[in-house]
Amino acid sequence: MIAIRLKEMGTKNRQMWRIVVAESHVARNGKLIDELGSYNPLVEPPAVVLKRERYDAWIKKGAKPSRTVAAIVAKMEKGKK
Protein backbone atom coordinates (compact mmCIF):
# COMPACT_ATOMS: atom_id res chain seq x y z
CA MET A 1 0.00 0.00 0.00
CA ILE A 2 1.19 3.51 -0.82
CA ALA A 3 1.17 5.98 2.09
CA ILE A 4 1.50 9.75 2.32
CA ARG A 5 3.35 10.41 5.55
CA LEU A 6 6.01 12.48 7.31
CA LYS A 7 9.78 12.05 7.07
CA GLU A 8 11.82 13.52 9.91
CA MET A 9 14.48 16.10 9.08
CA GLY A 10 16.55 18.58 11.10
CA THR A 11 18.48 18.11 14.30
CA LYS A 12 17.71 17.18 17.87
CA ASN A 13 15.11 19.57 19.36
CA ARG A 14 14.84 21.38 15.98
CA GLN A 15 12.87 18.87 13.90
CA MET A 16 11.03 19.71 10.76
CA TRP A 17 9.20 17.24 8.57
CA ARG A 18 8.86 16.49 4.88
CA ILE A 19 5.57 15.25 3.47
CA VAL A 20 6.46 12.24 1.30
CA VAL A 21 4.94 9.33 -0.59
CA ALA A 22 6.37 5.90 0.26
CA GLU A 23 5.41 2.26 0.54
CA SER A 24 3.78 1.70 3.93
CA HIS A 25 6.22 -1.07 4.96
CA VAL A 26 9.35 1.05 4.30
CA ALA A 27 11.11 2.67 7.28
CA ARG A 28 10.20 6.27 8.20
CA ASN A 29 13.33 7.75 6.60
CA GLY A 30 13.73 5.00 4.01
CA LYS A 31 13.28 4.94 0.23
CA LEU A 32 10.77 7.48 -1.09
CA ILE A 33 8.57 7.52 -4.17
CA ASP A 34 7.86 11.27 -4.22
CA GLU A 35 8.30 14.37 -2.05
CA LEU A 36 5.22 16.60 -1.77
CA GLY A 37 6.22 19.36 0.63
CA SER A 38 7.34 20.26 4.13
CA TYR A 39 5.97 21.03 7.60
CA ASN A 40 7.80 23.15 10.16
CA PRO A 41 5.98 23.31 13.53
CA LEU A 42 8.68 25.45 15.18
CA VAL A 43 7.62 28.76 13.62
CA GLU A 44 4.45 30.60 14.56
CA PRO A 45 2.12 29.86 12.79
CA PRO A 46 3.43 26.45 11.67
CA ALA A 47 4.73 26.59 8.10
CA VAL A 48 3.20 24.15 5.62
CA VAL A 49 4.39 23.94 2.01
CA LEU A 50 2.44 21.42 -0.07
CA LYS A 51 2.38 20.70 -3.81
CA ARG A 52 -1.40 20.34 -3.80
CA GLU A 53 -1.76 19.09 -7.39
CA ARG A 54 0.64 16.22 -6.77
CA TYR A 55 -1.01 15.45 -3.41
CA ASP A 56 -4.42 15.21 -5.09
CA ALA A 57 -2.97 13.07 -7.90
CA TRP A 58 -1.56 10.56 -5.37
CA ILE A 59 -4.89 10.46 -3.52
CA LYS A 60 -6.64 9.65 -6.83
CA LYS A 61 -4.11 6.85 -7.42
CA GLY A 62 -5.11 5.29 -4.08
CA ALA A 63 -2.45 6.57 -1.67
CA LYS A 64 -3.65 6.86 1.93
CA PRO A 65 -2.52 9.86 4.02
CA SER A 66 -1.50 9.21 7.62
CA ARG A 67 -3.72 10.73 10.31
CA THR A 68 -1.12 13.42 10.95
CA VAL A 69 -0.79 14.40 7.29
CA ALA A 70 -4.58 14.43 6.91
CA ALA A 71 -4.85 16.76 9.93
CA ILE A 72 -2.13 19.09 8.58
CA VAL A 73 -3.86 19.31 5.19
CA ALA A 74 -7.24 19.90 6.84
CA LYS A 75 -5.82 22.76 8.94
CA MET A 76 -4.21 24.20 5.82
CA GLU A 77 -7.56 24.07 3.98
CA LYS A 78 -9.40 25.63 6.94
CA GLY A 79 -6.87 28.48 7.07
CA LYS A 80 -7.43 29.34 3.39
CA LYS A 81 -11.19 29.90 3.81
C-alpha atoms as a PDB file:
ATOM      1  CA  MET A   1       0.000   0.000   0.000  1.00  0.00           C
ATOM      2  CA  ILE A   2       1.194   3.508  -0.816  1.00  0.00           C
ATOM      3  CA  ALA A   3       1.165   5.979   2.095  1.00  0.00           C
ATOM      4  CA  ILE A   4       1.501   9.749   2.315  1.00  0.00           C
ATOM      5  CA  ARG A   5       3.352  10.408   5.553  1.00  0.00           C
ATOM      6  CA  LEU A   6       6.008  12.479   7.305  1.00  0.00           C
ATOM      7  CA  LYS A   7       9.777  12.055   7.069  1.00  0.00           C
ATOM      8  CA  GLU A   8      11.822  13.516   9.915  1.00  0.00           C
ATOM      9  CA  MET A   9      14.485  16.104   9.078  1.00  0.00           C
ATOM     10  CA  GLY A  10      16.548  18.583  11.095  1.00  0.00           C
ATOM     11  CA  THR A  11      18.483  18.113  14.301  1.00  0.00           C
ATOM     12  CA  LYS A  12      17.708  17.181  17.868  1.00  0.00           C
ATOM     13  CA  ASN A  13      15.107  19.570  19.356  1.00  0.00           C
ATOM     14  CA  ARG A  14      14.842  21.375  15.977  1.00  0.00           C
ATOM     15  CA  GLN A  15      12.870  18.866  13.898  1.00  0.00           C
ATOM     16  CA  MET A  16      11.027  19.707  10.761  1.00  0.00           C
ATOM     17  CA  TRP A  17       9.204  17.242   8.572  1.00  0.00           C
ATOM     18  CA  ARG A  18       8.858  16.494   4.876  1.00  0.00           C
ATOM     19  CA  ILE A  19       5.569  15.246   3.465  1.00  0.00           C
ATOM     20  CA  VAL A  20       6.460  12.245   1.303  1.00  0.00           C
ATOM     21  CA  VAL A  21       4.943   9.328  -0.594  1.00  0.00           C
ATOM     22  CA  ALA A  22       6.372   5.897   0.259  1.00  0.00           C
ATOM     23  CA  GLU A  23       5.411   2.256   0.545  1.00  0.00           C
ATOM     24  CA  SER A  24       3.779   1.699   3.926  1.00  0.00           C
ATOM     25  CA  HIS A  25       6.219  -1.068   4.960  1.00  0.00           C
ATOM     26  CA  VAL A  26       9.354   1.046   4.297  1.00  0.00           C
ATOM     27  CA  ALA A  27      11.114   2.667   7.280  1.00  0.00           C
ATOM     28  CA  ARG A  28      10.202   6.274   8.199  1.00  0.00           C
ATOM     29  CA  ASN A  29      13.332   7.750   6.598  1.00  0.00           C
ATOM     30  CA  GLY A  30      13.728   4.998   4.005  1.00  0.00           C
ATOM     31  CA  LYS A  31      13.284   4.936   0.235  1.00  0.00           C
ATOM     32  CA  LEU A  32      10.765   7.475  -1.088  1.00  0.00           C
ATOM     33  CA  ILE A  33       8.571   7.523  -4.165  1.00  0.00           C
ATOM     34  CA  ASP A  34       7.865  11.272  -4.216  1.00  0.00           C
ATOM     35  CA  GLU A  35       8.302  14.374  -2.055  1.00  0.00           C
ATOM     36  CA  LEU A  36       5.220  16.596  -1.769  1.00  0.00           C
ATOM     37  CA  GLY A  37       6.216  19.359   0.635  1.00  0.00           C
ATOM     38  CA  SER A  38       7.336  20.257   4.134  1.00  0.00           C
ATOM     39  CA  TYR A  39       5.966  21.025   7.596  1.00  0.00           C
ATOM     40  CA  ASN A  40       7.798  23.149  10.163  1.00  0.00           C
ATOM     41  CA  PRO A  41       5.982  23.306  13.532  1.00  0.00           C
ATOM     42  CA  LEU A  42       8.677  25.451  15.182  1.00  0.00           C
ATOM     43  CA  VAL A  43       7.624  28.761  13.621  1.00  0.00           C
ATOM     44  CA  GLU A  44       4.446  30.605  14.556  1.00  0.00           C
ATOM     45  CA  PRO A  45       2.121  29.855  12.791  1.00  0.00           C
ATOM     46  CA  PRO A  46       3.431  26.449  11.673  1.00  0.00           C
ATOM     47  CA  ALA A  47       4.726  26.591   8.096  1.00  0.00           C
ATOM     48  CA  VAL A  48       3.204  24.154   5.616  1.00  0.00           C
ATOM     49  CA  VAL A  49       4.389  23.944   2.013  1.00  0.00           C
ATOM     50  CA  LEU A  50       2.440  21.417  -0.067  1.00  0.00           C
ATOM     51  CA  LYS A  51       2.378  20.703  -3.806  1.00  0.00           C
ATOM     52  CA  ARG A  52      -1.401  20.337  -3.799  1.00  0.00           C
ATOM     53  CA  GLU A  53      -1.763  19.095  -7.393  1.00  0.00           C
ATOM     54  CA  ARG A  54       0.641  16.218  -6.770  1.00  0.00           C
ATOM     55  CA  TYR A  55      -1.009  15.452  -3.407  1.00  0.00           C
ATOM     56  CA  ASP A  56      -4.421  15.213  -5.086  1.00  0.00           C
ATOM     57  CA  ALA A  57      -2.967  13.070  -7.895  1.00  0.00           C
ATOM     58  CA  TRP A  58      -1.556  10.563  -5.368  1.00  0.00           C
ATOM     59  CA  ILE A  59      -4.889  10.459  -3.519  1.00  0.00           C
ATOM     60  CA  LYS A  60      -6.643   9.645  -6.828  1.00  0.00           C
ATOM     61  CA  LYS A  61      -4.109   6.851  -7.419  1.00  0.00           C
ATOM     62  CA  GLY A  62      -5.114   5.287  -4.085  1.00  0.00           C
ATOM     63  CA  ALA A  63      -2.452   6.573  -1.671  1.00  0.00           C
ATOM     64  CA  LYS A  64      -3.652   6.864   1.927  1.00  0.00           C
ATOM     65  CA  PRO A  65      -2.516   9.857   4.018  1.00  0.00           C
ATOM     66  CA  SER A  66      -1.502   9.208   7.618  1.00  0.00           C
ATOM     67  CA  ARG A  67      -3.721  10.731  10.310  1.00  0.00           C
ATOM     68  CA  THR A  68      -1.116  13.420  10.954  1.00  0.00           C
ATOM     69  CA  VAL A  69      -0.789  14.397   7.289  1.00  0.00           C
ATOM     70  CA  ALA A  70      -4.582  14.434   6.909  1.00  0.00           C
ATOM     71  CA  ALA A  71      -4.853  16.759   9.931  1.00  0.00           C
ATOM     72  CA  ILE A  72      -2.129  19.085   8.580  1.00  0.00           C
ATOM     73  CA  VAL A  73      -3.856  19.307   5.188  1.00  0.00           C
ATOM     74  CA  ALA A  74      -7.237  19.899   6.843  1.00  0.00           C
ATOM     75  CA  LYS A  75      -5.818  22.755   8.937  1.00  0.00           C
ATOM     76  CA  MET A  76      -4.209  24.205   5.816  1.00  0.00           C
ATOM     77  CA  GLU A  77      -7.556  24.071   3.980  1.00  0.00           C
ATOM     78  CA  LYS A  78      -9.397  25.628   6.941  1.00  0.00           C
ATOM     79  CA  GLY A  79      -6.865  28.476   7.069  1.00  0.00           C
ATOM     80  CA  LYS A  80      -7.425  29.345   3.395  1.00  0.00           C
ATOM     81  CA  LYS A  81     -11.190  29.900   3.810  1.00  0.00           C
END
